[in-house]
Amino acid sequence: MNTAQTPHVGKTIQIGFLLFPGFPMSCLTSMIEPLRAANEIAGRPAFGWTLVSENGGKVTSSAQVVFETAHGLDEIAHLDQLFLFSGPSARFATPGAAEGRLRKAARHGMIMGAVSGGIFPLARAGLLTGHSVSVHWCYATAFETEFPDLAATDEVIAIDGRRATVSGAAAAFDLALHMIETDLGPDVATEVACWFQHPLVRGQGVSQRVPTFKSTSTDDMLPPIVRQAVEMFATHISDPINVADVADAIGISVRQVERVFKKTTGKSPLHYYRAMRMKAARQLVLYSNSTMGEIALAVGYASATPMIQNYEEVFGLHPMKDRDKINLFRVRGDAMLPSG
C-alpha cells in the first residue's frame, strides 16, 4: 500500500488519527512515538500527524485520558492517510454523513487504516470490502459474525491495496516501523526499533500469539499435539467436534491427548475446548446485540440454557449481567450499547 509503496522524498506524509470515545490510548501512542523518533533521527519532518474526531473537540480514551482533537471529518482533505482507533462497539453519531465523508476521502486516494477495534467502524462504512482485514483474536468471533463476507485474518498486519489494518498496540508499532522503513530506509527503522527496545519487527504473514488458559505459555509454545488439537477446536466453534475425533485425526489416543493437555494447560481438552467456546460467546455478549439464543447457536449449543450455565461456570456471572456490567464502563456517548 502507499503507506508503504510510494516514496515521499522530502515530503511530509500527513496522517490523521480518527478517535472514537473509549479508544485504546496505547494503540495511538504506539503509532505516534516511533514516527516522532523517526523525524528526530532523520532530522526532518518526514511524518506529520493530527488528531481527528467526528466533529472535532475532546475525546476521552478508554483510560479516561482526554484528548483534544484538531479537526472534524469535514476537515481532512489535506491528509494522506487516516487511521481509525476505537472499541468494537463504536459508531458515529451521524453515520450517514460521517461514513460518506470517509468514502469520499477514500475515492480521492486517501489511504485508510484501522487499529484493533477501529476495523469495526471502518467496515461499517463499507471501506474494507474486498480487502484482507487483520482482526485481533479477542474480536474475531464478533467481527466474523457481523461481517461474514469480509476476509478476516489472524495476521498482525494486513496491508492490502490502500488499506492497512493491524490487530493491536504492538502491531501498530510494527506498522509505524514499516512506514518508516518505506519512507526513510531500513537503517532509520532499525534505529527507531532500538530506541524503544523493540526486539522483533513483525511484518505481514506473522500470525498473532493467542494466550492459552495457562498464563505461562502461548499457542506457538505448545507441544505439537496440543497445538493441532487447539487448531481443530478453533475451527469447530459453531459445530462442536468430539475429543475422540480430534485424537483420531491427530493419530493418537484420547488418553494421550488428555494427559498432554493437562500437563501443558492445566485443563482437560474438553474443559479447554468449552472455555474456547465461552470466549467466543463472550465476544458476542459484549460486542454485539445478538440474543442469548443466537449466541448459543453461534457457539454450538442447541439452546441458550446450557450455554448460559457454562458461561456462568467460566466467567462467574450470567451473560446478561456481564453485558450490563461492561456497559457501565463504556464512555458516555459511545453508541451501540448491546441489549436484549
Protein backbone atom coordinates (compact mmCIF):
# COMPACT_ATOMS: atom_id res chain seq x y z
CA MET A 1 0.00 0.00 0.00
CA ASN A 2 1.03 3.60 -0.27
CA THR A 3 1.91 3.90 3.40
CA ALA A 4 4.09 1.81 2.00
CA GLN A 5 4.96 1.70 -1.60
CA THR A 6 5.15 5.25 -2.90
CA PRO A 7 8.25 7.25 -1.92
CA HIS A 8 7.63 10.70 -0.45
CA VAL A 9 11.15 12.09 -0.76
CA GLY A 10 11.31 15.42 1.04
CA LYS A 11 7.54 15.48 1.55
CA THR A 12 5.88 15.32 4.94
CA ILE A 13 3.35 12.49 4.99
CA GLN A 14 0.27 13.85 6.74
CA ILE A 15 -1.50 11.26 8.88
CA GLY A 16 -4.82 11.62 10.69
CA PHE A 17 -5.74 9.56 13.73
CA LEU A 18 -9.53 9.36 13.96
CA LEU A 19 -10.52 8.84 17.60
CA PHE A 20 -13.80 7.48 18.92
CA PRO A 21 -14.90 7.75 22.57
CA GLY A 22 -13.35 4.90 24.51
CA PHE A 23 -10.49 4.33 22.04
CA PRO A 24 -7.43 2.39 23.33
CA MET A 25 -4.80 5.01 24.13
CA SER A 26 -1.90 2.56 23.90
CA CYS A 27 -2.67 1.93 20.22
CA LEU A 28 -2.45 5.65 19.46
CA THR A 29 0.86 6.23 21.24
CA SER A 30 2.28 3.06 19.68
CA MET A 31 1.96 4.69 16.27
CA ILE A 32 2.87 8.27 17.15
CA GLU A 33 6.02 7.63 19.17
CA PRO A 34 8.01 5.73 16.50
CA LEU A 35 7.04 8.34 13.91
CA ARG A 36 8.23 11.12 16.24
CA ALA A 37 11.51 9.30 16.80
CA ALA A 38 11.95 8.78 13.07
CA ASN A 39 11.61 12.52 12.47
CA GLU A 40 14.29 13.21 15.08
CA ILE A 41 16.68 10.63 13.66
CA ALA A 42 16.12 11.73 10.07
CA GLY A 43 16.49 15.41 11.00
CA ARG A 44 13.39 16.38 9.06
CA PRO A 45 9.60 16.16 9.46
CA ALA A 46 9.07 13.05 7.36
CA PHE A 47 5.77 12.41 9.15
CA GLY A 48 3.16 14.82 10.42
CA TRP A 49 0.05 13.85 12.35
CA THR A 50 -3.11 15.30 13.72
CA LEU A 51 -5.94 14.06 15.90
CA VAL A 52 -9.37 13.86 14.31
CA SER A 53 -12.82 13.12 15.68
CA GLU A 54 -16.23 13.06 14.07
CA ASN A 55 -16.98 16.70 14.85
CA GLY A 56 -13.75 17.96 16.45
CA GLY A 57 -13.32 18.71 20.14
CA LYS A 58 -12.43 16.47 23.07
CA VAL A 59 -12.44 12.66 23.06
CA THR A 60 -12.00 10.52 26.15
CA SER A 61 -9.92 7.35 25.83
CA SER A 62 -10.65 4.02 27.49
CA ALA A 63 -8.13 5.04 30.17
CA GLN A 64 -10.22 8.17 30.86
CA VAL A 65 -7.46 10.42 29.49
CA VAL A 66 -8.96 13.28 27.48
CA PHE A 67 -7.52 14.20 24.07
CA GLU A 68 -8.20 17.46 22.23
CA THR A 69 -8.70 16.77 18.53
CA ALA A 70 -7.78 19.40 15.96
CA HIS A 71 -10.17 18.51 13.15
CA GLY A 72 -13.57 17.11 12.41
CA LEU A 73 -14.27 14.79 9.49
CA ASP A 74 -15.20 17.78 7.35
CA GLU A 75 -11.58 19.00 7.58
CA ILE A 76 -9.50 16.01 6.47
CA ALA A 77 -8.95 16.71 2.79
CA HIS A 78 -5.30 17.64 3.42
CA LEU A 79 -4.43 14.22 4.87
CA ASP A 80 -2.59 11.47 3.02
CA GLN A 81 -3.66 8.72 5.41
CA LEU A 82 -6.33 8.20 8.05
CA PHE A 83 -6.37 5.55 10.78
CA LEU A 84 -9.36 4.75 12.96
CA PHE A 85 -8.99 4.00 16.69
CA SER A 86 -11.95 2.65 18.64
CA GLY A 87 -13.51 -0.20 20.50
CA PRO A 88 -15.61 -2.68 18.52
CA SER A 89 -18.91 -1.10 19.58
CA ALA A 90 -18.02 2.39 18.34
CA ARG A 91 -20.38 4.08 15.90
CA PHE A 92 -20.58 7.59 14.52
CA ALA A 93 -23.19 9.93 15.99
CA THR A 94 -24.41 10.62 12.44
CA PRO A 95 -23.33 7.51 10.49
CA GLY A 96 -24.66 8.58 7.11
CA ALA A 97 -22.73 11.84 6.97
CA ALA A 98 -19.56 10.58 8.65
CA GLU A 99 -19.27 7.38 6.64
CA GLY A 100 -19.96 9.35 3.49
CA ARG A 101 -17.01 11.64 4.26
CA LEU A 102 -14.76 8.63 4.76
CA ARG A 103 -15.84 7.09 1.46
CA LYS A 104 -15.31 10.41 -0.33
CA ALA A 105 -11.79 10.69 1.10
CA ALA A 106 -11.04 7.12 0.02
CA ARG A 107 -12.28 7.84 -3.51
CA HIS A 108 -9.87 10.76 -3.68
CA GLY A 109 -6.95 8.49 -2.87
CA MET A 110 -6.59 8.76 0.90
CA ILE A 111 -5.13 5.63 2.47
CA MET A 112 -7.46 4.19 5.10
CA GLY A 113 -6.48 2.04 8.02
CA ALA A 114 -7.58 0.89 11.44
CA VAL A 115 -6.04 -0.39 14.64
CA SER A 116 -7.62 -3.05 16.85
CA GLY A 117 -11.37 -2.30 17.26
CA GLY A 118 -11.15 0.51 14.70
CA ILE A 119 -11.77 -2.08 12.00
CA PHE A 120 -15.44 -2.22 13.03
CA PRO A 121 -16.46 1.36 12.11
CA LEU A 122 -14.23 1.18 9.01
CA ALA A 123 -16.01 -2.00 7.92
CA ARG A 124 -19.43 -0.48 8.70
CA ALA A 125 -18.52 2.35 6.33
CA GLY A 126 -18.00 -0.24 3.59
CA LEU A 127 -14.31 0.55 3.25
CA LEU A 128 -12.94 -2.93 3.93
CA THR A 129 -14.96 -4.75 1.29
CA GLY A 130 -12.63 -6.72 -0.95
CA HIS A 131 -9.66 -6.27 1.38
CA SER A 132 -7.93 -8.59 3.83
CA VAL A 133 -8.51 -7.44 7.42
CA SER A 134 -6.31 -8.03 10.46
CA VAL A 135 -8.62 -8.91 13.35
CA HIS A 136 -7.47 -9.12 16.96
CA TRP A 137 -8.17 -12.64 18.19
CA CYS A 138 -10.38 -11.37 21.03
CA TYR A 139 -12.70 -9.72 18.45
CA ALA A 140 -12.60 -12.47 15.82
CA THR A 141 -15.96 -14.08 16.55
CA ALA A 142 -17.76 -10.74 16.85
CA PHE A 143 -16.20 -9.45 13.63
CA GLU A 144 -16.92 -12.57 11.59
CA THR A 145 -20.50 -12.64 12.88
CA GLU A 146 -21.15 -9.03 11.86
CA PHE A 147 -19.11 -9.14 8.64
CA PRO A 148 -19.21 -12.74 7.37
CA ASP A 149 -18.27 -11.71 3.83
CA LEU A 150 -15.06 -9.87 4.75
CA ALA A 151 -11.69 -11.60 4.57
CA ALA A 152 -10.58 -11.68 8.21
CA THR A 153 -7.05 -12.83 9.01
CA ASP A 154 -5.22 -13.53 12.27
CA GLU A 155 -2.06 -11.92 10.91
CA VAL A 156 -0.81 -9.00 13.00
CA ILE A 157 -0.68 -6.69 9.97
CA ALA A 158 -2.76 -6.75 6.79
CA ILE A 159 -1.71 -4.31 4.07
CA ASP A 160 -3.97 -4.74 1.08
CA GLY A 161 -4.05 -2.09 -1.61
CA ARG A 162 -4.85 1.24 0.02
CA ARG A 163 -5.98 -0.34 3.29
CA ALA A 164 -3.86 -1.17 6.32
CA THR A 165 -5.26 -2.88 9.41
CA VAL A 166 -3.42 -4.11 12.48
CA SER A 167 -4.51 -6.22 15.42
CA GLY A 168 -3.39 -4.12 18.40
CA ALA A 169 -0.90 -1.76 20.02
CA ALA A 170 2.25 -3.80 19.38
CA ALA A 171 1.17 -4.34 15.79
CA ALA A 172 0.57 -0.58 15.44
CA PHE A 173 4.22 -0.04 16.39
CA ASP A 174 5.23 -2.61 13.76
CA LEU A 175 3.15 -0.81 11.12
CA ALA A 176 4.80 2.50 12.02
CA LEU A 177 8.22 0.87 11.58
CA HIS A 178 7.07 -0.44 8.19
CA MET A 179 6.07 3.09 7.18
CA ILE A 180 9.40 4.46 8.42
CA GLU A 181 11.37 1.85 6.50
CA THR A 182 9.47 2.64 3.31
CA ASP A 183 9.99 6.40 3.56
CA LEU A 184 13.34 6.70 5.33
CA GLY A 185 15.01 3.34 4.81
CA PRO A 186 15.83 0.29 6.95
CA ASP A 187 18.62 2.00 8.89
CA VAL A 188 16.27 4.59 10.39
CA ALA A 189 13.61 1.94 11.07
CA THR A 190 16.16 -0.23 12.86
CA GLU A 191 17.40 2.69 14.94
CA VAL A 192 13.84 3.56 15.95
CA ALA A 193 13.23 -0.05 16.97
CA CYS A 194 16.41 0.04 19.06
CA TRP A 195 15.40 3.30 20.74
CA PHE A 196 12.28 1.63 22.05
CA GLN A 197 13.91 -1.75 22.73
CA HIS A 198 11.51 -3.29 20.22
CA PRO A 199 13.30 -6.62 19.69
CA LEU A 200 11.33 -8.16 16.85
CA VAL A 201 9.87 -6.27 13.92
CA ARG A 202 6.87 -8.18 12.64
CA GLY A 203 5.61 -7.73 9.11
CA GLN A 204 2.86 -9.26 7.04
CA GLY A 205 2.42 -13.01 7.26
CA VAL A 206 3.02 -13.20 11.02
CA SER A 207 0.10 -14.63 13.00
CA GLN A 208 -0.97 -13.34 16.38
CA ARG A 209 0.02 -15.15 19.56
CA VAL A 210 -3.16 -16.27 21.27
CA PRO A 211 -2.84 -16.82 25.02
CA THR A 212 -3.73 -20.23 26.39
CA PHE A 213 -5.62 -20.61 29.63
CA LYS A 214 -2.37 -21.27 31.43
CA SER A 215 -0.69 -17.89 31.61
CA THR A 216 2.88 -19.12 31.19
CA SER A 217 2.53 -20.19 27.57
CA THR A 218 1.16 -19.09 24.23
CA ASP A 219 -0.02 -21.16 21.32
CA ASP A 220 3.29 -21.10 19.47
CA MET A 221 4.96 -22.66 22.52
CA LEU A 222 2.50 -25.54 22.83
CA PRO A 223 3.51 -29.15 22.13
CA PRO A 224 2.51 -30.21 18.60
CA ILE A 225 -0.27 -32.50 19.87
CA VAL A 226 -1.93 -29.70 21.85
CA ARG A 227 -1.39 -27.12 19.12
CA GLN A 228 -3.03 -29.34 16.49
CA ALA A 229 -5.95 -30.06 18.82
CA VAL A 230 -6.42 -26.35 19.60
CA GLU A 231 -6.40 -25.52 15.89
CA MET A 232 -9.13 -28.12 15.30
CA PHE A 233 -11.15 -26.81 18.24
CA ALA A 234 -10.85 -23.26 16.88
CA THR A 235 -12.35 -24.28 13.53
CA HIS A 236 -15.27 -26.06 15.22
CA ILE A 237 -16.76 -23.40 17.48
CA SER A 238 -20.25 -23.41 15.98
CA ASP A 239 -20.20 -27.12 15.08
CA PRO A 240 -18.52 -28.86 18.05
CA ILE A 241 -16.22 -31.80 17.48
CA ASN A 242 -15.62 -34.71 19.87
CA VAL A 243 -12.25 -35.04 21.60
CA ALA A 244 -12.16 -38.62 20.32
CA ASP A 245 -12.45 -37.37 16.73
CA VAL A 246 -9.64 -34.88 17.34
CA ALA A 247 -7.43 -37.60 18.77
CA ASP A 248 -8.20 -39.84 15.81
CA ALA A 249 -7.37 -37.06 13.33
CA ILE A 250 -4.03 -36.43 15.05
CA GLY A 251 -3.31 -40.14 15.21
CA ILE A 252 -3.05 -40.68 18.94
CA SER A 253 -5.27 -41.97 21.73
CA VAL A 254 -7.74 -39.90 23.72
CA ARG A 255 -5.74 -40.75 26.83
CA GLN A 256 -2.60 -39.21 25.31
CA VAL A 257 -4.45 -36.04 24.36
CA GLU A 258 -5.87 -35.73 27.86
CA ARG A 259 -2.51 -36.32 29.53
CA VAL A 260 -0.62 -33.75 27.41
CA PHE A 261 -3.41 -31.16 27.73
CA LYS A 262 -3.50 -31.47 31.50
CA LYS A 263 0.27 -31.15 31.75
CA THR A 264 0.50 -28.18 29.38
CA THR A 265 -2.61 -26.14 30.13
CA GLY A 266 -3.81 -27.40 33.48
CA LYS A 267 -7.14 -28.32 31.86
CA SER A 268 -8.63 -31.38 30.23
CA PRO A 269 -9.15 -31.00 26.45
CA LEU A 270 -12.93 -30.92 27.00
CA HIS A 271 -12.72 -28.07 29.53
CA TYR A 272 -10.19 -26.21 27.39
CA TYR A 273 -12.48 -26.52 24.37
CA ARG A 274 -15.50 -25.40 26.36
CA ALA A 275 -13.56 -22.36 27.58
CA MET A 276 -12.67 -21.50 23.97
CA ARG A 277 -16.34 -21.62 23.02
CA MET A 278 -17.21 -19.46 26.02
CA LYS A 279 -14.55 -16.93 24.98
CA ALA A 280 -16.26 -16.75 21.60
CA ALA A 281 -19.65 -16.42 23.29
CA ARG A 282 -18.34 -13.57 25.43
CA GLN A 283 -17.26 -11.62 22.36
CA LEU A 284 -20.85 -11.75 21.13
CA VAL A 285 -22.22 -10.88 24.56
CA LEU A 286 -20.01 -7.81 24.85
CA TYR A 287 -19.69 -6.62 21.26
CA SER A 288 -22.98 -7.47 19.56
CA ASN A 289 -26.72 -7.10 20.01
CA SER A 290 -27.31 -10.82 19.49
CA THR A 291 -29.83 -12.52 21.76
CA MET A 292 -28.75 -15.29 24.10
CA GLY A 293 -30.38 -17.83 21.78
CA GLU A 294 -28.47 -16.50 18.77
CA ILE A 295 -25.21 -16.52 20.72
CA ALA A 296 -25.84 -20.09 21.85
CA LEU A 297 -26.30 -21.26 18.26
CA ALA A 298 -23.16 -19.38 17.16
CA VAL A 299 -21.01 -21.30 19.64
CA GLY A 300 -22.53 -24.72 19.09
CA TYR A 301 -25.40 -25.01 21.58
CA ALA A 302 -28.92 -26.04 20.62
CA SER A 303 -30.44 -23.64 23.15
CA ALA A 304 -29.46 -20.80 25.45
CA THR A 305 -29.85 -22.63 28.79
CA PRO A 306 -26.76 -24.90 28.67
CA MET A 307 -24.69 -22.11 27.12
CA ILE A 308 -25.65 -19.76 29.97
CA GLN A 309 -24.80 -22.44 32.55
CA ASN A 310 -21.34 -22.95 31.04
CA TYR A 311 -20.86 -19.19 30.73
CA GLU A 312 -21.56 -18.74 34.44
CA GLU A 313 -19.13 -21.55 35.28
CA VAL A 314 -16.33 -19.95 33.25
CA PHE A 315 -16.90 -16.24 33.97
CA GLY A 316 -18.79 -16.33 37.26
CA LEU A 317 -21.84 -14.37 36.16
CA HIS A 318 -24.83 -14.54 33.84
CA PRO A 319 -24.05 -13.26 30.32
CA MET A 320 -26.71 -10.56 30.58
CA LYS A 321 -25.12 -9.28 33.79
CA ASP A 322 -21.76 -9.35 32.01
CA ARG A 323 -23.26 -7.27 29.20
CA ASP A 324 -24.79 -4.81 31.65
CA LYS A 325 -21.51 -4.57 33.57
CA ILE A 326 -19.38 -3.59 30.58
CA ASN A 327 -21.97 -1.02 29.51
CA LEU A 328 -21.42 0.75 32.84
CA PHE A 329 -17.76 1.26 31.93
CA ARG A 330 -18.28 2.46 28.38
CA VAL A 331 -17.51 6.10 27.81
CA ARG A 332 -20.67 8.17 27.66
CA GLY A 333 -21.54 8.91 24.08
CA ASP A 334 -20.03 5.68 22.75
CA ALA A 335 -23.11 4.49 20.89
CA MET A 336 -24.41 0.95 20.32
CA LEU A 337 -24.72 -0.45 23.81
CA PRO A 338 -25.78 -4.08 23.38
CA SER A 339 -29.15 -5.07 24.74
CA GLY A 340 -31.51 -7.99 24.64
